[in-house]
Amino acid sequence: MLGLLAGGLGGGFGTFLGAGLGFLGNRMAANQAADITNAGLAANTANSELNAMLGREITKGNMARGIGQTVTDYGAGADIEKGRQQDAFKFAATTGRDLKRGADSADFQTLLGQLESPMYREAKGRQFQRQLAKIKAKARAPYEGLFGEIS
Protein backbone atom coordinates (compact mmCIF):
# COMPACT_ATOMS: atom_id res chain seq x y z
CA MET A 1 0.00 0.00 0.00
CA LEU A 2 2.85 2.31 0.84
CA GLY A 3 4.39 1.65 -2.51
CA LEU A 4 1.13 2.61 -4.22
CA LEU A 5 1.08 6.04 -2.51
CA ALA A 6 4.77 6.58 -3.07
CA GLY A 7 4.58 6.20 -6.79
CA GLY A 8 3.77 2.52 -7.38
CA LEU A 9 1.57 1.56 -10.32
CA GLY A 10 2.90 4.19 -12.57
CA GLY A 11 3.25 6.91 -9.90
CA GLY A 12 0.18 8.88 -10.92
CA PHE A 13 -2.18 8.07 -8.04
CA GLY A 14 -0.27 10.11 -5.43
CA THR A 15 -0.14 13.04 -7.78
CA PHE A 16 -3.87 12.83 -8.40
CA LEU A 17 -4.58 12.46 -4.69
CA GLY A 18 -2.40 15.50 -3.84
CA ALA A 19 -4.00 17.54 -6.59
CA GLY A 20 -7.50 16.56 -5.44
CA LEU A 21 -6.81 17.43 -1.79
CA GLY A 22 -5.17 20.71 -2.86
CA PHE A 23 -8.24 21.51 -4.97
CA LEU A 24 -10.58 20.79 -2.05
CA GLY A 25 -8.47 22.99 0.24
CA ASN A 26 -8.47 25.81 -2.26
CA ARG A 27 -12.26 25.53 -2.70
CA MET A 28 -12.79 25.69 1.07
CA ALA A 29 -10.52 28.76 1.33
CA ALA A 30 -12.30 30.38 -1.61
CA ASN A 31 -15.69 29.74 0.01
CA GLN A 32 -14.49 31.30 3.26
CA ALA A 33 -13.14 34.32 1.39
CA ALA A 34 -16.45 34.65 -0.45
CA ASP A 35 -18.37 34.47 2.85
CA ILE A 36 -16.15 37.18 4.35
CA THR A 37 -16.59 39.34 1.26
CA ASN A 38 -20.38 38.86 1.36
CA ALA A 39 -20.45 39.82 5.05
CA GLY A 40 -18.42 42.98 4.27
CA LEU A 41 -20.73 43.88 1.40
CA ALA A 42 -23.78 43.34 3.60
CA ALA A 43 -22.28 45.62 6.26
CA ASN A 44 -21.50 48.28 3.64
CA THR A 45 -25.05 48.04 2.30
CA ALA A 46 -26.51 48.42 5.80
CA ASN A 47 -24.20 51.38 6.44
CA SER A 48 -25.23 53.01 3.16
CA GLU A 49 -28.91 52.53 4.00
CA LEU A 50 -28.36 54.05 7.45
CA ASN A 51 -26.54 57.05 5.96
CA ALA A 52 -29.33 57.58 3.43
CA MET A 53 -31.92 57.45 6.24
CA LEU A 54 -29.91 59.93 8.33
CA GLY A 55 -29.61 62.23 5.33
CA ARG A 56 -33.38 62.19 4.86
CA GLU A 57 -33.95 62.97 8.55
CA ILE A 58 -31.45 65.84 8.44
CA THR A 59 -33.20 67.23 5.37
CA LYS A 60 -36.56 67.03 7.15
CA GLY A 61 -35.11 68.82 10.17
CA ASN A 62 -33.66 71.60 8.03
CA MET A 63 -36.98 72.04 6.25
CA ALA A 64 -38.83 72.24 9.57
CA ARG A 65 -36.33 74.79 10.90
CA GLY A 66 -36.81 76.90 7.78
CA ILE A 67 -40.60 76.74 8.07
CA GLY A 68 -40.46 77.67 11.76
CA GLN A 69 -38.13 80.60 11.04
CA THR A 70 -40.40 81.83 8.25
CA VAL A 71 -43.46 81.67 10.52
CA THR A 72 -41.56 83.57 13.22
CA ASP A 73 -40.32 86.23 10.80
CA TYR A 74 -43.42 86.78 8.68
CA GLY A 75 -46.39 84.91 10.16
CA ALA A 76 -48.08 84.74 13.53
CA GLY A 77 -44.75 85.02 15.34
CA ALA A 78 -44.06 88.40 13.76
CA ASP A 79 -47.55 89.61 14.73
CA ILE A 80 -47.01 88.52 18.35
CA GLU A 81 -43.63 90.28 18.47
CA LYS A 82 -45.10 93.45 16.97
CA GLY A 83 -47.84 93.41 19.61
CA ARG A 84 -45.25 92.99 22.38
CA GLN A 85 -43.25 95.91 21.06
CA GLN A 86 -46.33 98.11 20.81
CA ASP A 87 -47.36 97.24 24.37
CA ALA A 88 -43.85 97.95 25.64
CA PHE A 89 -43.75 101.32 23.88
CA LYS A 90 -47.17 102.26 25.24
CA PHE A 91 -46.13 101.31 28.78
CA ALA A 92 -42.86 103.26 28.48
CA ALA A 93 -44.70 106.33 27.19
CA THR A 94 -47.44 106.35 29.86
CA THR A 95 -47.33 104.26 33.01
CA GLY A 96 -43.59 103.65 32.83
CA ARG A 97 -42.90 107.37 32.44
CA ASP A 98 -45.08 108.19 35.45
CA LEU A 99 -43.40 105.51 37.56
CA LYS A 100 -39.98 106.88 36.61
CA ARG A 101 -41.00 110.43 37.48
CA GLY A 102 -42.35 109.25 40.83
CA ALA A 103 -39.13 107.36 41.58
CA ASP A 104 -37.01 110.35 40.57
CA SER A 105 -39.11 112.63 42.78
CA ALA A 106 -38.81 110.27 45.74
CA ASP A 107 -35.04 110.03 45.19
CA PHE A 108 -34.75 113.84 45.11
CA GLN A 109 -36.81 114.23 48.28
CA THR A 110 -34.61 111.65 49.99
CA LEU A 111 -31.51 113.53 48.85
CA LEU A 112 -32.90 116.83 50.13
CA GLY A 113 -33.76 115.20 53.43
CA GLN A 114 -30.20 113.94 53.77
CA LEU A 115 -28.71 117.31 52.88
CA GLU A 116 -30.86 119.07 55.49
CA SER A 117 -30.16 116.62 58.29
CA PRO A 118 -28.00 117.86 61.22
CA MET A 119 -25.88 114.68 61.09
CA TYR A 120 -25.02 115.37 57.44
CA ARG A 121 -24.07 118.97 58.25
CA GLU A 122 -21.83 117.82 61.11
CA ALA A 123 -20.13 115.22 58.90
CA LYS A 124 -19.52 117.84 56.19
CA GLY A 125 -18.13 120.23 58.82
CA ARG A 126 -15.70 117.56 60.06
CA GLN A 127 -14.61 116.86 56.50
CA PHE A 128 -13.98 120.57 55.90
CA GLN A 129 -11.97 120.85 59.12
CA ARG A 130 -9.80 117.85 58.10
CA GLN A 131 -9.07 119.40 54.70
CA LEU A 132 -8.31 122.77 56.31
CA ALA A 133 -5.90 121.11 58.79
CA LYS A 134 -4.11 119.38 55.88
CA ILE A 135 -3.72 122.70 54.04
CA LYS A 136 -2.38 124.43 57.18
CA ALA A 137 0.07 121.58 57.87
CA LYS A 138 1.32 121.74 54.30
CA ALA A 139 1.85 125.50 54.59
CA ARG A 140 3.69 125.18 57.96
CA ALA A 141 5.98 122.31 56.96
CA PRO A 142 8.80 124.36 55.38
CA TYR A 143 9.00 126.76 58.36
CA GLU A 144 8.87 124.01 60.99
CA GLY A 145 11.94 122.53 59.39
CA LEU A 146 13.78 125.80 59.91
CA PHE A 147 12.53 127.01 63.28
CA GLY A 148 11.02 123.97 65.04
CA GLU A 149 7.34 123.29 65.77
CA ILE A 150 4.99 126.25 65.27
CA SER A 151 2.01 126.31 67.63
C-alpha atoms as a PDB file:
ATOM      1  CA  MET A   1       0.000   0.000   0.000  1.00  0.00           C
ATOM      2  CA  LEU A   2       2.848   2.314   0.841  1.00  0.00           C
ATOM      3  CA  GLY A   3       4.389   1.649  -2.511  1.00  0.00           C
ATOM      4  CA  LEU A   4       1.134   2.606  -4.217  1.00  0.00           C
ATOM      5  CA  LEU A   5       1.084   6.045  -2.513  1.00  0.00           C
ATOM      6  CA  ALA A   6       4.770   6.580  -3.069  1.00  0.00           C
ATOM      7  CA  GLY A   7       4.584   6.203  -6.791  1.00  0.00           C
ATOM      8  CA  GLY A   8       3.768   2.520  -7.379  1.00  0.00           C
ATOM      9  CA  LEU A   9       1.571   1.556 -10.322  1.00  0.00           C
ATOM     10  CA  GLY A  10       2.905   4.191 -12.574  1.00  0.00           C
ATOM     11  CA  GLY A  11       3.254   6.912  -9.901  1.00  0.00           C
ATOM     12  CA  GLY A  12       0.178   8.876 -10.925  1.00  0.00           C
ATOM     13  CA  PHE A  13      -2.180   8.074  -8.038  1.00  0.00           C
ATOM     14  CA  GLY A  14      -0.270  10.106  -5.434  1.00  0.00           C
ATOM     15  CA  THR A  15      -0.144  13.039  -7.775  1.00  0.00           C
ATOM     16  CA  PHE A  16      -3.865  12.830  -8.401  1.00  0.00           C
ATOM     17  CA  LEU A  17      -4.578  12.458  -4.689  1.00  0.00           C
ATOM     18  CA  GLY A  18      -2.403  15.496  -3.844  1.00  0.00           C
ATOM     19  CA  ALA A  19      -4.003  17.537  -6.593  1.00  0.00           C
ATOM     20  CA  GLY A  20      -7.496  16.564  -5.435  1.00  0.00           C
ATOM     21  CA  LEU A  21      -6.813  17.428  -1.794  1.00  0.00           C
ATOM     22  CA  GLY A  22      -5.173  20.715  -2.860  1.00  0.00           C
ATOM     23  CA  PHE A  23      -8.236  21.512  -4.972  1.00  0.00           C
ATOM     24  CA  LEU A  24     -10.579  20.790  -2.046  1.00  0.00           C
ATOM     25  CA  GLY A  25      -8.468  22.992   0.245  1.00  0.00           C
ATOM     26  CA  ASN A  26      -8.474  25.807  -2.265  1.00  0.00           C
ATOM     27  CA  ARG A  27     -12.263  25.534  -2.701  1.00  0.00           C
ATOM     28  CA  MET A  28     -12.787  25.695   1.067  1.00  0.00           C
ATOM     29  CA  ALA A  29     -10.521  28.758   1.334  1.00  0.00           C
ATOM     30  CA  ALA A  30     -12.297  30.385  -1.608  1.00  0.00           C
ATOM     31  CA  ASN A  31     -15.689  29.742   0.010  1.00  0.00           C
ATOM     32  CA  GLN A  32     -14.490  31.296   3.261  1.00  0.00           C
ATOM     33  CA  ALA A  33     -13.141  34.324   1.394  1.00  0.00           C
ATOM     34  CA  ALA A  34     -16.449  34.646  -0.454  1.00  0.00           C
ATOM     35  CA  ASP A  35     -18.370  34.468   2.846  1.00  0.00           C
ATOM     36  CA  ILE A  36     -16.146  37.177   4.351  1.00  0.00           C
ATOM     37  CA  THR A  37     -16.593  39.340   1.262  1.00  0.00           C
ATOM     38  CA  ASN A  38     -20.380  38.855   1.359  1.00  0.00           C
ATOM     39  CA  ALA A  39     -20.447  39.819   5.049  1.00  0.00           C
ATOM     40  CA  GLY A  40     -18.423  42.984   4.268  1.00  0.00           C
ATOM     41  CA  LEU A  41     -20.734  43.882   1.397  1.00  0.00           C
ATOM     42  CA  ALA A  42     -23.783  43.338   3.599  1.00  0.00           C
ATOM     43  CA  ALA A  43     -22.283  45.619   6.257  1.00  0.00           C
ATOM     44  CA  ASN A  44     -21.504  48.280   3.640  1.00  0.00           C
ATOM     45  CA  THR A  45     -25.048  48.036   2.303  1.00  0.00           C
ATOM     46  CA  ALA A  46     -26.511  48.422   5.797  1.00  0.00           C
ATOM     47  CA  ASN A  47     -24.200  51.378   6.443  1.00  0.00           C
ATOM     48  CA  SER A  48     -25.231  53.010   3.164  1.00  0.00           C
ATOM     49  CA  GLU A  49     -28.914  52.534   4.002  1.00  0.00           C
ATOM     50  CA  LEU A  50     -28.358  54.050   7.448  1.00  0.00           C
ATOM     51  CA  ASN A  51     -26.541  57.054   5.959  1.00  0.00           C
ATOM     52  CA  ALA A  52     -29.333  57.576   3.427  1.00  0.00           C
ATOM     53  CA  MET A  53     -31.921  57.452   6.239  1.00  0.00           C
ATOM     54  CA  LEU A  54     -29.908  59.925   8.333  1.00  0.00           C
ATOM     55  CA  GLY A  55     -29.611  62.234   5.326  1.00  0.00           C
ATOM     56  CA  ARG A  56     -33.382  62.192   4.859  1.00  0.00           C
ATOM     57  CA  GLU A  57     -33.947  62.972   8.547  1.00  0.00           C
ATOM     58  CA  ILE A  58     -31.447  65.840   8.442  1.00  0.00           C
ATOM     59  CA  THR A  59     -33.198  67.231   5.373  1.00  0.00           C
ATOM     60  CA  LYS A  60     -36.563  67.034   7.146  1.00  0.00           C
ATOM     61  CA  GLY A  61     -35.108  68.821  10.175  1.00  0.00           C
ATOM     62  CA  ASN A  62     -33.658  71.599   8.033  1.00  0.00           C
ATOM     63  CA  MET A  63     -36.981  72.036   6.255  1.00  0.00           C
ATOM     64  CA  ALA A  64     -38.826  72.236   9.575  1.00  0.00           C
ATOM     65  CA  ARG A  65     -36.334  74.790  10.898  1.00  0.00           C
ATOM     66  CA  GLY A  66     -36.812  76.902   7.778  1.00  0.00           C
ATOM     67  CA  ILE A  67     -40.595  76.735   8.069  1.00  0.00           C
ATOM     68  CA  GLY A  68     -40.456  77.673  11.761  1.00  0.00           C
ATOM     69  CA  GLN A  69     -38.134  80.600  11.043  1.00  0.00           C
ATOM     70  CA  THR A  70     -40.401  81.833   8.254  1.00  0.00           C
ATOM     71  CA  VAL A  71     -43.458  81.672  10.516  1.00  0.00           C
ATOM     72  CA  THR A  72     -41.561  83.567  13.219  1.00  0.00           C
ATOM     73  CA  ASP A  73     -40.322  86.229  10.798  1.00  0.00           C
ATOM     74  CA  TYR A  74     -43.419  86.783   8.684  1.00  0.00           C
ATOM     75  CA  GLY A  75     -46.391  84.915  10.164  1.00  0.00           C
ATOM     76  CA  ALA A  76     -48.081  84.737  13.533  1.00  0.00           C
ATOM     77  CA  GLY A  77     -44.750  85.016  15.343  1.00  0.00           C
ATOM     78  CA  ALA A  78     -44.055  88.402  13.757  1.00  0.00           C
ATOM     79  CA  ASP A  79     -47.547  89.608  14.732  1.00  0.00           C
ATOM     80  CA  ILE A  80     -47.009  88.521  18.348  1.00  0.00           C
ATOM     81  CA  GLU A  81     -43.634  90.275  18.473  1.00  0.00           C
ATOM     82  CA  LYS A  82     -45.105  93.452  16.965  1.00  0.00           C
ATOM     83  CA  GLY A  83     -47.840  93.415  19.607  1.00  0.00           C
ATOM     84  CA  ARG A  84     -45.251  92.993  22.376  1.00  0.00           C
ATOM     85  CA  GLN A  85     -43.245  95.909  21.061  1.00  0.00           C
ATOM     86  CA  GLN A  86     -46.327  98.112  20.810  1.00  0.00           C
ATOM     87  CA  ASP A  87     -47.360  97.244  24.369  1.00  0.00           C
ATOM     88  CA  ALA A  88     -43.849  97.946  25.641  1.00  0.00           C
ATOM     89  CA  PHE A  89     -43.748 101.321  23.883  1.00  0.00           C
ATOM     90  CA  LYS A  90     -47.172 102.264  25.235  1.00  0.00           C
ATOM     91  CA  PHE A  91     -46.127 101.313  28.780  1.00  0.00           C
ATOM     92  CA  ALA A  92     -42.861 103.262  28.479  1.00  0.00           C
ATOM     93  CA  ALA A  93     -44.702 106.332  27.186  1.00  0.00           C
ATOM     94  CA  THR A  94     -47.440 106.352  29.862  1.00  0.00           C
ATOM     95  CA  THR A  95     -47.332 104.255  33.011  1.00  0.00           C
ATOM     96  CA  GLY A  96     -43.590 103.648  32.830  1.00  0.00           C
ATOM     97  CA  ARG A  97     -42.901 107.370  32.442  1.00  0.00           C
ATOM     98  CA  ASP A  98     -45.080 108.191  35.446  1.00  0.00           C
ATOM     99  CA  LEU A  99     -43.399 105.508  37.559  1.00  0.00           C
ATOM    100  CA  LYS A 100     -39.977 106.880  36.605  1.00  0.00           C
ATOM    101  CA  ARG A 101     -40.999 110.428  37.477  1.00  0.00           C
ATOM    102  CA  GLY A 102     -42.345 109.246  40.833  1.00  0.00           C
ATOM    103  CA  ALA A 103     -39.130 107.358  41.580  1.00  0.00           C
ATOM    104  CA  ASP A 104     -37.009 110.350  40.568  1.00  0.00           C
ATOM    105  CA  SER A 105     -39.114 112.629  42.779  1.00  0.00           C
ATOM    106  CA  ALA A 106     -38.812 110.271  45.743  1.00  0.00           C
ATOM    107  CA  ASP A 107     -35.041 110.033  45.190  1.00  0.00           C
ATOM    108  CA  PHE A 108     -34.745 113.841  45.113  1.00  0.00           C
ATOM    109  CA  GLN A 109     -36.809 114.228  48.281  1.00  0.00           C
ATOM    110  CA  THR A 110     -34.606 111.646  49.992  1.00  0.00           C
ATOM    111  CA  LEU A 111     -31.510 113.533  48.847  1.00  0.00           C
ATOM    112  CA  LEU A 112     -32.902 116.825  50.131  1.00  0.00           C
ATOM    113  CA  GLY A 113     -33.762 115.196  53.433  1.00  0.00           C
ATOM    114  CA  GLN A 114     -30.202 113.939  53.772  1.00  0.00           C
ATOM    115  CA  LEU A 115     -28.711 117.313  52.877  1.00  0.00           C
ATOM    116  CA  GLU A 116     -30.860 119.069  55.492  1.00  0.00           C
ATOM    117  CA  SER A 117     -30.157 116.617  58.289  1.00  0.00           C
ATOM    118  CA  PRO A 118     -27.999 117.861  61.221  1.00  0.00           C
ATOM    119  CA  MET A 119     -25.876 114.685  61.087  1.00  0.00           C
ATOM    120  CA  TYR A 120     -25.015 115.368  57.439  1.00  0.00           C
ATOM    121  CA  ARG A 121     -24.075 118.974  58.249  1.00  0.00           C
ATOM    122  CA  GLU A 122     -21.827 117.824  61.106  1.00  0.00           C
ATOM    123  CA  ALA A 123     -20.129 115.218  58.896  1.00  0.00           C
ATOM    124  CA  LYS A 124     -19.519 117.842  56.191  1.00  0.00           C
ATOM    125  CA  GLY A 125     -18.134 120.231  58.822  1.00  0.00           C
ATOM    126  CA  ARG A 126     -15.703 117.559  60.056  1.00  0.00           C
ATOM    127  CA  GLN A 127     -14.613 116.856  56.499  1.00  0.00           C
ATOM    128  CA  PHE A 128     -13.983 120.572  55.898  1.00  0.00           C
ATOM    129  CA  GLN A 129     -11.968 120.849  59.120  1.00  0.00           C
ATOM    130  CA  ARG A 130      -9.797 117.854  58.105  1.00  0.00           C
ATOM    131  CA  GLN A 131      -9.073 119.395  54.703  1.00  0.00           C
ATOM    132  CA  LEU A 132      -8.313 122.768  56.305  1.00  0.00           C
ATOM    133  CA  ALA A 133      -5.904 121.106  58.787  1.00  0.00           C
ATOM    134  CA  LYS A 134      -4.109 119.384  55.875  1.00  0.00           C
ATOM    135  CA  ILE A 135      -3.720 122.699  54.041  1.00  0.00           C
ATOM    136  CA  LYS A 136      -2.380 124.433  57.180  1.00  0.00           C
ATOM    137  CA  ALA A 137       0.072 121.580  57.874  1.00  0.00           C
ATOM    138  CA  LYS A 138       1.323 121.738  54.301  1.00  0.00           C
ATOM    139  CA  ALA A 139       1.849 125.501  54.587  1.00  0.00           C
ATOM    140  CA  ARG A 140       3.692 125.178  57.958  1.00  0.00           C
ATOM    141  CA  ALA A 141       5.976 122.310  56.958  1.00  0.00           C
ATOM    142  CA  PRO A 142       8.795 124.363  55.385  1.00  0.00           C
ATOM    143  CA  TYR A 143       8.996 126.756  58.364  1.00  0.00           C
ATOM    144  CA  GLU A 144       8.873 124.007  60.989  1.00  0.00           C
ATOM    145  CA  GLY A 145      11.945 122.525  59.394  1.00  0.00           C
ATOM    146  CA  LEU A 146      13.784 125.798  59.908  1.00  0.00           C
ATOM    147  CA  PHE A 147      12.527 127.012  63.277  1.00  0.00           C
ATOM    148  CA  GLY A 148      11.017 123.972  65.039  1.00  0.00           C
ATOM    149  CA  GLU A 149       7.338 123.287  65.769  1.00  0.00           C
ATOM    150  CA  ILE A 150       4.992 126.253  65.273  1.00  0.00           C
ATOM    151  CA  SER A 151       2.009 126.314  67.627  1.00  0.00           C
END
